[in-house]
Protein backbone atom coordinates (compact mmCIF):
# COMPACT_ATOMS: atom_id res chain seq x y z
CA MET A 1 122.06 111.08 89.62
CA GLY A 2 119.45 113.46 88.01
CA ASP A 3 116.03 114.51 89.00
CA PHE A 4 113.71 112.16 90.93
CA TRP A 5 109.97 111.49 91.52
CA VAL A 6 107.86 111.28 94.59
CA PHE A 7 104.26 109.74 94.43
CA GLY A 8 101.64 111.14 96.55
CA TYR A 9 98.33 109.57 97.15
CA GLY A 10 96.92 111.43 100.25
CA SER A 11 97.76 114.85 101.67
CA LEU A 12 100.98 114.92 99.72
CA MET A 13 98.91 115.38 96.53
CA TRP A 14 97.55 118.91 97.62
CA ARG A 15 100.13 119.89 100.24
CA PRO A 16 103.51 118.37 99.18
CA GLY A 17 105.67 120.79 101.36
CA PHE A 18 108.70 120.54 99.05
CA ALA A 19 109.87 122.28 96.03
CA HIS A 20 109.34 120.38 92.63
CA ARG A 21 109.73 121.25 88.80
CA GLU A 22 106.58 119.60 87.67
CA THR A 23 103.53 117.60 88.72
CA HIS A 24 101.51 114.93 86.81
CA ARG A 25 98.61 112.62 87.62
CA ALA A 26 100.05 109.09 87.87
CA ARG A 27 98.87 105.56 88.45
CA LEU A 28 100.68 103.16 90.79
CA HIS A 29 99.87 99.58 90.03
CA GLY A 30 99.83 96.78 92.81
CA TYR A 31 98.64 99.15 95.54
CA ARG A 32 95.57 100.87 96.58
CA ARG A 33 94.64 103.89 98.79
CA ALA A 34 92.96 102.62 101.97
CA LEU A 35 92.10 103.61 105.43
CA CYS A 36 94.18 100.93 106.75
CA VAL A 37 96.38 102.68 109.48
CA ARG A 38 95.26 103.09 113.04
CA SER A 39 95.76 106.59 114.17
CA PHE A 40 96.63 106.74 117.90
CA VAL A 41 97.75 110.51 118.01
CA HIS A 42 96.51 112.77 115.08
CA ARG A 43 93.04 111.28 114.36
CA GLY A 44 92.43 109.09 117.29
CA THR A 45 93.72 107.91 120.65
CA PRO A 46 95.13 104.59 121.98
CA ALA A 47 91.74 104.05 123.65
CA ARG A 48 89.77 105.14 120.51
CA PRO A 49 92.00 104.81 117.46
CA GLY A 50 90.87 106.33 114.14
CA LEU A 51 91.99 105.44 110.72
CA VAL A 52 94.28 107.28 108.16
CA LEU A 53 95.42 106.49 104.71
CA GLY A 54 98.09 104.04 103.66
CA LEU A 55 99.00 102.50 100.35
CA ASP A 56 98.09 98.80 100.81
CA ARG A 57 98.74 95.91 98.44
CA GLY A 58 96.23 95.22 95.60
CA GLY A 59 94.53 97.10 92.85
CA SER A 60 95.86 100.52 91.72
CA CYS A 61 95.94 104.00 92.85
CA ILE A 62 95.80 107.42 91.12
CA GLY A 63 97.74 110.05 92.68
CA MET A 64 100.23 112.89 91.85
CA ALA A 65 103.83 112.42 90.87
CA PHE A 66 106.24 115.32 91.65
CA ARG A 67 109.53 115.77 89.75
CA VAL A 68 112.13 117.06 92.32
CA PRO A 69 115.50 118.44 91.19
CA ASP A 70 118.53 116.43 92.08
CA ALA A 71 120.00 119.43 93.86
CA LEU A 72 117.22 119.11 96.41
CA ARG A 73 117.33 115.31 96.83
CA ASP A 74 118.75 115.19 100.36
CA GLU A 75 116.62 117.87 101.67
CA VAL A 76 113.28 116.61 100.25
CA ILE A 77 114.18 112.92 101.35
CA ASP A 78 114.80 114.10 104.72
CA TYR A 79 111.53 116.20 104.84
CA LEU A 80 109.46 113.15 103.61
CA ARG A 81 110.97 110.77 106.07
CA ALA A 82 110.38 113.16 109.03
CA ARG A 83 106.82 113.50 107.64
CA GLU A 84 106.07 109.94 106.80
CA LEU A 85 108.15 107.82 108.94
CA VAL A 86 107.09 109.14 112.45
CA THR A 87 106.04 105.77 113.89
CA ASN A 88 107.50 103.67 111.02
CA VAL A 89 104.19 102.33 109.96
CA TYR A 90 105.14 103.18 106.39
CA LEU A 91 107.95 101.66 104.35
CA GLU A 92 109.88 103.84 101.92
CA ARG A 93 109.95 102.29 98.43
CA ARG A 94 110.99 103.13 94.99
CA LEU A 95 108.12 101.94 92.71
CA PRO A 96 107.12 102.34 89.06
CA VAL A 97 104.35 104.85 88.43
CA ARG A 98 102.90 105.67 85.10
CA LEU A 99 102.62 109.45 84.38
CA GLU A 100 99.26 110.27 82.91
CA GLY A 101 99.72 110.25 79.02
CA GLY A 102 103.48 109.60 79.49
CA PRO A 103 106.19 107.11 80.48
CA VAL A 104 106.60 105.01 83.43
CA VAL A 105 109.13 106.58 86.13
CA GLU A 106 110.35 105.24 89.41
CA ALA A 107 109.08 107.33 92.34
CA VAL A 108 109.79 107.45 96.10
CA THR A 109 106.50 106.00 97.58
CA TYR A 110 105.42 105.33 101.16
CA VAL A 111 103.47 102.06 101.50
CA VAL A 112 101.98 100.57 104.68
CA ASP A 113 103.99 98.07 106.75
CA ARG A 114 101.63 95.16 107.19
CA ALA A 115 103.59 93.89 110.13
CA HIS A 116 103.34 97.14 112.04
CA ARG A 117 100.91 97.28 115.10
CA GLN A 118 99.14 100.20 113.50
CA TYR A 119 98.09 98.17 110.22
CA ALA A 120 94.38 97.87 110.46
CA GLY A 121 94.21 95.24 107.63
CA ARG A 122 91.74 95.07 104.79
CA ILE A 123 88.28 96.37 106.05
CA ASP A 124 85.19 97.14 104.13
CA ALA A 125 83.55 100.57 103.90
CA ASP A 126 80.93 99.83 106.87
CA GLU A 127 83.69 98.88 109.35
CA ALA A 128 85.90 101.85 108.19
CA ALA A 129 83.01 104.26 108.80
CA ARG A 130 82.37 102.75 112.19
CA ALA A 131 86.13 103.17 113.19
CA VAL A 132 86.24 106.81 111.71
CA ASN A 133 83.00 108.02 113.41
CA GLY A 134 83.63 109.64 116.75
CA ALA A 135 87.42 109.22 116.65
CA VAL A 136 89.26 112.39 117.52
CA GLY A 137 92.90 113.07 117.92
CA GLN A 138 95.42 115.98 118.19
CA SER A 139 94.55 117.19 114.54
CA GLY A 140 90.87 116.91 114.96
CA PRO A 141 88.02 114.72 114.16
CA ASN A 142 88.63 111.61 112.08
CA GLU A 143 85.52 112.34 110.06
CA GLU A 144 86.88 115.69 109.09
CA TYR A 145 90.14 113.84 107.77
CA VAL A 146 88.08 111.56 105.53
CA LEU A 147 85.72 114.14 104.20
CA ASN A 148 88.55 116.57 103.50
CA THR A 149 90.53 113.99 101.64
CA VAL A 150 87.42 113.06 99.48
CA ALA A 151 86.87 116.71 98.70
CA HIS A 152 90.48 117.27 97.68
CA LEU A 153 90.32 114.13 95.48
CA GLU A 154 87.22 115.43 93.81
CA ALA A 155 88.91 118.75 93.29
CA LEU A 156 91.74 117.06 91.54
CA GLY A 157 89.39 115.06 89.42
CA ILE A 158 90.32 111.80 91.01
CA ARG A 159 87.70 109.20 91.87
CA ASP A 160 88.07 106.76 94.75
CA HIS A 161 85.00 104.82 94.95
CA TRP A 162 85.77 103.05 98.15
CA LEU A 163 86.91 106.14 99.93
CA GLU A 164 83.77 107.95 98.76
CA SER A 165 81.60 105.05 100.00
CA VAL A 166 83.20 105.51 103.50
CA ALA A 167 82.63 109.13 103.26
CA SER A 168 78.91 108.80 102.45
CA LYS A 169 78.52 106.58 105.49
CA ILE A 170 79.97 109.15 107.97
CA ARG A 171 78.18 112.26 106.46
């Protein structure tokens, strides 16, 4: 079948957790990075849910694309499914992404399932900041998650104005 690509838009960008041959900045059209998933475990609780990232419909998203050797296909797909599909709030898709300065490739991508009970919908930066502030789960404070994400994006030279606006409201 040949090598395949994986698109990361959140922690997969700086902590992929799988072997790969190369990495490129890439843009996915038709989806945007958003705090649109209610977190009941890692960054919140059922009584006080936090918000974590998902790819939601609309706009575009700059992330990282990883080229994975075909010999590792089953191992990497199993790893990604164990990491991303714990509560099935994400749907595994193969979508076209444009590599920076290069071609369009098909990449394994995880987008939010809008029918899932954890889907928070499209919310503005003020509402997102209110949901994030004070939410704490097994992995720590939700504010830490958002600020860490923005810092990693900045280190990669990726601007996300909406997420930066949320971060400025929780600092």
